[in-house]
Amino acid sequence: MRTPQVVRDPSLPERVTIYEVGPRDGLQNESAVVPLETKAAFLRRLVEAGLPVVEATSFVHPKWVPQLADAADLVDAIAERGLDRVDGRTVPMPVLVPNERGLDRALERGVRHIAIFGSATETFAQRNLNRSLDEQFTMFEPTVRRAREAGMDVRAYISMCFGDPWEGDVPVDQVVSVGKRLFDLGASQLSLGDTIGVGTPGHVAALLAAFNEAGLPNTDLAMHFHDTYGQALSNTQAALRAGVTTFDASAGGLGGCPYAESATGNLATEDLVWMLHGLGIDTGVDLDRLVATSVWMAGQLGRPSPSRVVNALAGG
């Protein structure tokens, strides 16, 4: 299988961590329920392809995301079958928890890595969390505190960092204020989401600089780009040049957001890996195996992958 010609840019990081969100963010918007066994096989294939972190599912109420109603069974399968273990290493498989009830379910099953999902805007907080912008922190505080007391690692997502479908442009200082409050609850990393894919490279650089000025170094930040307007890889390069080394991506370009219809086009993990490998940046990912995994999953879903790299390497 073809590989990119490597031209190393010494100003860029030598290694990047890809935070794979396909099994959770990628599948959550599927209308037809994906069988548990297919999800388990997907997790295993991603681990075997070398992904260093694979977000498995979410303990959200089944009423809101029916696709993830089997979250507890999937977490049990991970533990019972060792789906997270390969070549003597254990791959973190975080679970999204929306509140303390979700945390209780995670604790019952011995989950060690969780994530919370906040909003940078008032409207999305109301639609996604049924809380105001300020009330979301009251909801998250006991969740994060109890998780940390239990020895869990906690990641915080912040959505609508670059634009909101109802409110339009989102001020940079508002994003920084919300993001820092979320991070300061006790998170180990803050993932900045371009939920509707409207960000551009200059906007990325400005937002990262503002977070740095507020006291959050790029080592504490991750980027979560969507490719709705074709900007995801350009935005990734801007973040790389700023020193960010963790990027969220979804195998095969699966997914969107069930609470924002315009949130389409997750950055495909294969497209990201192709670019990073061409820049001489190590990811630890076996691109051939990853492409094969996305071709397989596309077959399970009954439609082609939207990833350009998957289609180029797999012949359509």
Protein backbone atom coordinates (compact mmCIF):
# COMPACT_ATOMS: atom_id res chain seq x y z
CA MET A 1 0.00 0.00 0.00
CA ARG A 2 1.28 3.46 -0.89
CA THR A 3 2.80 5.67 1.83
CA PRO A 4 3.45 9.42 1.77
CA GLN A 5 6.89 10.70 0.87
CA VAL A 6 8.41 11.99 4.09
CA VAL A 7 9.64 15.58 4.24
CA ARG A 8 10.45 16.39 7.82
CA ASP A 9 9.84 19.89 9.19
CA PRO A 10 12.12 20.23 12.24
CA SER A 11 9.97 23.02 13.65
CA LEU A 12 7.09 20.61 14.24
CA PRO A 13 6.69 18.09 17.08
CA GLU A 14 8.43 14.74 16.60
CA ARG A 15 5.47 12.73 17.90
CA VAL A 16 1.72 13.22 18.11
CA THR A 17 -0.89 11.36 20.15
CA ILE A 18 -4.07 10.54 18.25
CA TYR A 19 -7.11 10.30 20.52
CA GLU A 20 -9.45 8.00 18.60
CA VAL A 21 -13.12 8.89 19.05
CA GLY A 22 -14.73 6.73 16.35
CA PRO A 23 -16.41 4.15 18.60
CA ARG A 24 -18.13 6.85 20.66
CA ASP A 25 -18.35 10.12 18.71
CA GLY A 26 -18.28 8.31 15.39
CA LEU A 27 -21.07 5.84 16.04
CA GLN A 28 -23.33 7.84 18.35
CA ASN A 29 -25.21 9.46 15.47
CA GLU A 30 -25.92 6.24 13.56
CA SER A 31 -29.66 5.67 13.18
CA ALA A 32 -29.41 1.89 12.88
CA VAL A 33 -28.14 0.27 16.07
CA VAL A 34 -24.70 -1.26 15.60
CA PRO A 35 -24.49 -4.69 17.31
CA LEU A 36 -22.38 -5.06 20.42
CA GLU A 37 -20.14 -7.63 18.75
CA THR A 38 -19.41 -5.23 15.91
CA LYS A 39 -18.48 -2.49 18.38
CA ALA A 40 -16.21 -4.87 20.29
CA ALA A 41 -14.48 -5.95 17.08
CA PHE A 42 -14.08 -2.29 16.07
CA LEU A 43 -12.35 -1.51 19.38
CA ARG A 44 -10.04 -4.48 19.01
CA ARG A 45 -9.10 -3.59 15.44
CA LEU A 46 -8.30 0.01 16.41
CA VAL A 47 -6.07 -1.15 19.25
CA GLU A 48 -4.28 -3.58 16.93
CA ALA A 49 -3.75 -0.73 14.45
CA GLY A 50 -1.71 1.08 17.08
CA LEU A 51 -4.09 3.80 18.27
CA PRO A 52 -2.76 4.88 21.69
CA VAL A 53 -6.14 5.99 23.11
CA VAL A 54 -9.57 4.75 21.99
CA GLU A 55 -12.69 6.34 23.46
CA ALA A 56 -15.09 3.43 23.80
CA THR A 57 -18.60 4.68 24.58
CA SER A 58 -20.69 6.96 26.79
CA PHE A 59 -22.82 6.40 29.87
CA VAL A 60 -25.41 8.85 28.58
CA HIS A 61 -29.08 7.98 29.11
CA PRO A 62 -30.29 5.67 26.29
CA LYS A 63 -33.24 8.01 25.69
CA TRP A 64 -30.85 10.66 24.35
CA VAL A 65 -28.40 8.44 22.46
CA PRO A 66 -30.01 5.04 21.76
CA GLN A 67 -26.92 3.87 19.85
CA LEU A 68 -24.96 3.78 23.11
CA ALA A 69 -27.58 1.99 25.22
CA ASP A 70 -25.24 -1.02 25.41
CA ALA A 71 -22.43 0.99 27.03
CA ALA A 72 -22.30 -1.12 30.20
CA ASP A 73 -22.21 -4.36 28.24
CA LEU A 74 -19.44 -3.02 26.01
CA VAL A 75 -17.33 -1.94 29.00
CA ASP A 76 -17.83 -5.39 30.48
CA ALA A 77 -16.70 -6.96 27.20
CA ILE A 78 -13.56 -4.83 27.20
CA ALA A 79 -12.59 -6.12 30.62
CA GLU A 80 -13.62 -9.74 30.09
CA ARG A 81 -12.00 -10.14 26.68
CA GLY A 82 -8.99 -7.88 27.13
CA LEU A 83 -9.98 -5.78 24.14
CA ASP A 84 -7.75 -2.99 25.44
CA ARG A 85 -4.62 -5.13 25.70
CA VAL A 86 -2.14 -5.82 22.90
CA ASP A 87 1.58 -6.64 22.77
CA GLY A 88 1.96 -6.35 26.52
CA ARG A 89 0.44 -2.88 26.78
CA THR A 90 -2.95 -1.64 27.90
CA VAL A 91 -4.59 1.04 25.78
CA PRO A 92 -6.73 3.57 27.69
CA MET A 93 -10.40 3.34 26.67
CA PRO A 94 -12.12 6.39 28.16
CA VAL A 95 -15.86 6.58 28.64
CA LEU A 96 -17.83 9.80 28.38
CA VAL A 97 -19.92 10.53 31.49
CA PRO A 98 -22.48 13.36 31.36
CA ASN A 99 -23.06 13.68 35.11
CA GLU A 100 -22.81 11.90 38.48
CA ARG A 101 -25.22 9.15 37.40
CA GLY A 102 -22.93 8.36 34.51
CA LEU A 103 -19.96 8.43 36.88
CA ASP A 104 -21.68 5.95 39.20
CA ARG A 105 -22.05 3.53 36.29
CA ALA A 106 -18.39 4.00 35.36
CA LEU A 107 -17.26 3.38 38.94
CA GLU A 108 -19.37 0.22 39.18
CA ARG A 109 -17.51 -1.22 36.23
CA GLY A 110 -14.00 -0.19 37.20
CA VAL A 111 -13.49 2.37 34.45
CA ARG A 112 -10.21 4.25 34.95
CA HIS A 113 -10.51 7.01 32.31
CA ILE A 114 -13.52 9.25 31.82
CA ALA A 115 -14.40 12.43 29.93
CA ILE A 116 -16.92 15.20 30.52
CA PHE A 117 -18.45 17.28 27.73
CA GLY A 118 -19.09 20.98 28.30
CA SER A 119 -20.20 23.86 26.09
CA ALA A 120 -18.67 27.24 25.27
CA THR A 121 -22.10 28.72 24.46
CA GLU A 122 -25.37 29.23 26.30
CA THR A 123 -27.63 27.76 23.62
CA PHE A 124 -25.69 24.54 23.17
CA ALA A 125 -25.41 24.10 26.94
CA GLN A 126 -29.20 24.31 27.15
CA ARG A 127 -29.75 21.94 24.20
CA ASN A 128 -27.05 19.40 25.04
CA LEU A 129 -26.93 19.49 28.83
CA ASN A 130 -30.27 21.02 29.80
CA ARG A 131 -28.24 23.48 31.87
CA SER A 132 -27.24 27.12 31.50
CA LEU A 133 -23.66 28.04 30.68
CA ASP A 134 -22.95 28.64 34.36
CA GLU A 135 -25.04 25.73 35.69
CA GLN A 136 -22.93 23.21 33.77
CA PHE A 137 -20.03 23.80 36.17
CA THR A 138 -22.25 23.04 39.15
CA MET A 139 -23.15 19.74 37.49
CA PHE A 140 -19.58 18.84 36.56
CA GLU A 141 -17.84 19.82 39.82
CA PRO A 142 -18.95 16.83 41.96
CA THR A 143 -18.49 14.48 39.00
CA VAL A 144 -14.87 15.49 38.50
CA ARG A 145 -14.12 15.70 42.23
CA ARG A 146 -15.44 12.21 42.93
CA ALA A 147 -13.69 10.79 39.87
CA ARG A 148 -10.36 12.24 40.95
CA GLU A 149 -10.86 10.96 44.49
CA ALA A 150 -11.37 7.50 42.98
CA GLY A 151 -8.08 7.79 41.10
CA MET A 152 -9.64 8.29 37.68
CA ASP A 153 -8.14 10.33 34.87
CA VAL A 154 -10.57 13.01 33.68
CA ARG A 155 -10.57 14.68 30.28
CA ALA A 156 -12.76 17.73 29.58
CA TYR A 157 -14.24 18.49 26.17
CA ILE A 158 -15.50 21.95 25.31
CA SER A 159 -17.75 22.20 22.28
CA MET A 160 -18.59 25.14 19.99
CA CYS A 161 -15.15 26.72 20.42
CA PHE A 162 -15.06 28.23 16.92
CA GLY A 163 -18.70 28.88 16.14
CA ASP A 164 -22.24 27.96 17.15
CA PRO A 165 -25.11 27.19 14.72
CA TRP A 166 -27.56 29.22 16.82
CA GLU A 167 -25.35 32.01 18.20
CA GLY A 168 -22.92 32.46 15.31
CA ASP A 169 -19.39 33.60 16.14
CA VAL A 170 -18.14 32.73 19.63
CA PRO A 171 -15.77 35.26 21.24
CA VAL A 172 -12.30 33.89 21.95
CA ASP A 173 -12.32 35.23 25.51
CA GLN A 174 -15.62 33.44 26.20
CA VAL A 175 -14.16 30.13 25.03
CA VAL A 176 -11.07 30.63 27.19
CA SER A 177 -13.13 31.52 30.24
CA VAL A 178 -15.35 28.44 29.93
CA GLY A 179 -12.47 26.15 29.01
CA LYS A 180 -10.31 27.24 31.90
CA ARG A 181 -13.16 26.80 34.38
CA LEU A 182 -13.74 23.26 33.09
CA PHE A 183 -10.05 22.41 33.21
CA ASP A 184 -9.62 23.88 36.68
CA LEU A 185 -12.26 21.53 38.08
CA GLY A 186 -9.52 18.89 37.97
CA ALA A 187 -9.16 17.70 34.38
CA SER A 188 -5.84 16.44 33.05
CA GLN A 189 -6.53 17.64 29.49
CA LEU A 190 -8.89 20.04 27.72
CA SER A 191 -10.04 19.18 24.19
CA LEU A 192 -11.11 22.20 22.14
CA GLY A 193 -13.88 21.28 19.71
CA ASP A 194 -14.69 22.88 16.37
CA THR A 195 -18.08 21.21 16.53
CA ILE A 196 -19.47 22.63 13.28
CA GLY A 197 -16.15 22.82 11.44
CA VAL A 198 -16.06 26.57 10.78
CA GLY A 199 -12.62 27.28 12.26
CA THR A 200 -9.69 28.53 10.16
CA PRO A 201 -5.92 28.44 10.85
CA GLY A 202 -5.65 32.01 12.07
CA HIS A 203 -8.56 31.48 14.44
CA VAL A 204 -6.87 28.33 15.78
CA ALA A 205 -3.62 30.19 16.42
CA ALA A 206 -5.44 33.05 18.15
CA LEU A 207 -7.45 30.73 20.41
CA LEU A 208 -4.38 28.75 21.44
CA ALA A 209 -2.44 31.94 22.16
CA ALA A 210 -5.30 33.17 24.34
CA PHE A 211 -5.35 29.92 26.31
CA ASN A 212 -1.58 30.16 26.76
CA GLU A 213 -1.92 33.71 28.06
CA ALA A 214 -4.55 32.46 30.50
CA GLY A 215 -2.07 29.94 31.92
CA LEU A 216 -2.92 26.75 30.00
CA PRO A 217 0.12 25.46 28.07
CA ASN A 218 -0.37 23.51 24.86
CA THR A 219 0.67 20.34 26.69
CA ASP A 220 -2.69 20.55 28.50
CA LEU A 221 -4.67 21.11 25.29
CA ALA A 222 -5.97 18.86 22.54
CA MET A 223 -7.76 19.78 19.32
CA HIS A 224 -10.98 18.23 18.00
CA PHE A 225 -11.56 19.36 14.42
CA HIS A 226 -14.45 18.68 12.07
CA ASP A 227 -13.99 18.92 8.30
CA THR A 228 -17.39 20.38 7.41
CA TYR A 229 -15.77 23.27 5.50
CA GLY A 230 -12.65 21.37 4.47
CA GLN A 231 -10.43 23.08 7.05
CA ALA A 232 -9.57 20.26 9.46
CA LEU A 233 -6.07 19.46 8.18
CA SER A 234 -5.16 23.13 7.71
CA ASN A 235 -6.30 23.78 11.26
CA THR A 236 -4.29 20.79 12.45
CA GLN A 237 -1.16 22.26 10.89
CA ALA A 238 -1.80 25.57 12.65
CA ALA A 239 -2.13 23.78 15.98
CA LEU A 240 0.99 21.70 15.30
CA ARG A 241 2.99 24.87 14.64
CA ALA A 242 1.73 26.24 17.95
CA GLY A 243 3.03 23.11 19.70
CA VAL A 244 -0.14 21.03 20.26
CA THR A 245 0.62 17.30 20.24
CA THR A 246 -2.78 15.65 20.88
CA PHE A 247 -5.46 15.50 18.20
CA ASP A 248 -8.87 13.84 18.24
CA ALA A 249 -9.93 11.96 15.12
CA SER A 250 -12.49 9.37 14.02
CA ALA A 251 -11.58 6.27 12.03
CA GLY A 252 -13.00 6.52 8.54
CA GLY A 253 -14.39 10.00 9.27
CA LEU A 254 -17.38 8.57 11.13
CA GLY A 255 -19.70 10.75 13.12
CA GLY A 256 -21.03 14.12 14.05
CA CYS A 257 -23.08 15.41 16.97
CA PRO A 258 -26.69 14.33 17.63
CA TYR A 259 -27.49 17.74 19.19
CA ALA A 260 -26.22 19.91 16.32
CA GLU A 261 -27.36 18.94 12.83
CA SER A 262 -24.61 21.01 11.20
CA ALA A 263 -21.92 19.15 13.17
CA THR A 264 -20.81 16.83 10.41
CA GLY A 265 -17.45 15.70 9.15
CA ASN A 266 -15.26 14.44 11.96
CA LEU A 267 -11.62 14.58 10.91
CA ALA A 268 -10.81 11.11 9.55
CA THR A 269 -8.02 9.41 11.46
CA GLU A 270 -6.51 8.10 8.21
CA ASP A 271 -6.37 11.58 6.68
CA LEU A 272 -4.65 12.87 9.79
CA VAL A 273 -2.16 9.98 9.90
CA TRP A 274 -1.27 10.40 6.20
CA MET A 275 -0.44 14.08 6.74
CA LEU A 276 1.48 13.49 9.97
CA HIS A 277 3.52 10.65 8.51
CA GLY A 278 4.33 12.79 5.48
CA LEU A 279 5.67 15.42 7.87
CA GLY A 280 7.87 12.81 9.53
CA ILE A 281 5.82 12.90 12.73
CA ASP A 282 5.54 9.60 14.61
CA THR A 283 2.05 8.43 15.61
CA GLY A 284 2.63 4.73 16.29
CA VAL A 285 -0.32 3.97 13.99
CA ASP A 286 -0.20 1.28 11.30
CA LEU A 287 -2.00 3.05 8.44
CA ASP A 288 -2.60 -0.13 6.43
CA ARG A 289 -4.38 -1.82 9.33
CA LEU A 290 -6.34 1.32 10.12
CA VAL A 291 -7.55 1.64 6.52
CA ALA A 292 -8.56 -2.03 6.54
CA THR A 293 -10.49 -1.42 9.74
CA SER A 294 -12.41 1.52 8.27
CA VAL A 295 -13.18 -0.41 5.08
CA TRP A 296 -14.53 -3.22 7.27
CA MET A 297 -16.63 -0.82 9.35
CA ALA A 298 -17.98 0.87 6.24
CA GLY A 299 -19.15 -2.58 5.17
CA GLN A 300 -20.87 -3.08 8.51
CA LEU A 301 -22.66 0.25 8.13
CA GLY A 302 -23.53 -0.34 4.48
CA ARG A 303 -21.98 2.79 3.02
CA PRO A 304 -18.54 4.00 1.87
CA SER A 305 -16.17 5.83 4.19
CA PRO A 306 -15.99 9.61 3.68
CA SER A 307 -12.24 9.53 4.34
CA ARG A 308 -10.21 10.62 1.30
CA VAL A 309 -7.25 8.46 2.33
CA VAL A 310 -9.39 5.37 2.93
CA ASN A 311 -10.90 5.72 -0.53
CA ALA A 312 -7.55 6.42 -2.20
CA LEU A 313 -5.74 3.50 -0.59
CA ALA A 314 -8.62 1.04 -0.72
CA GLY A 315 -9.54 1.84 -4.29
CA GLY A 316 -12.87 3.44 -3.58
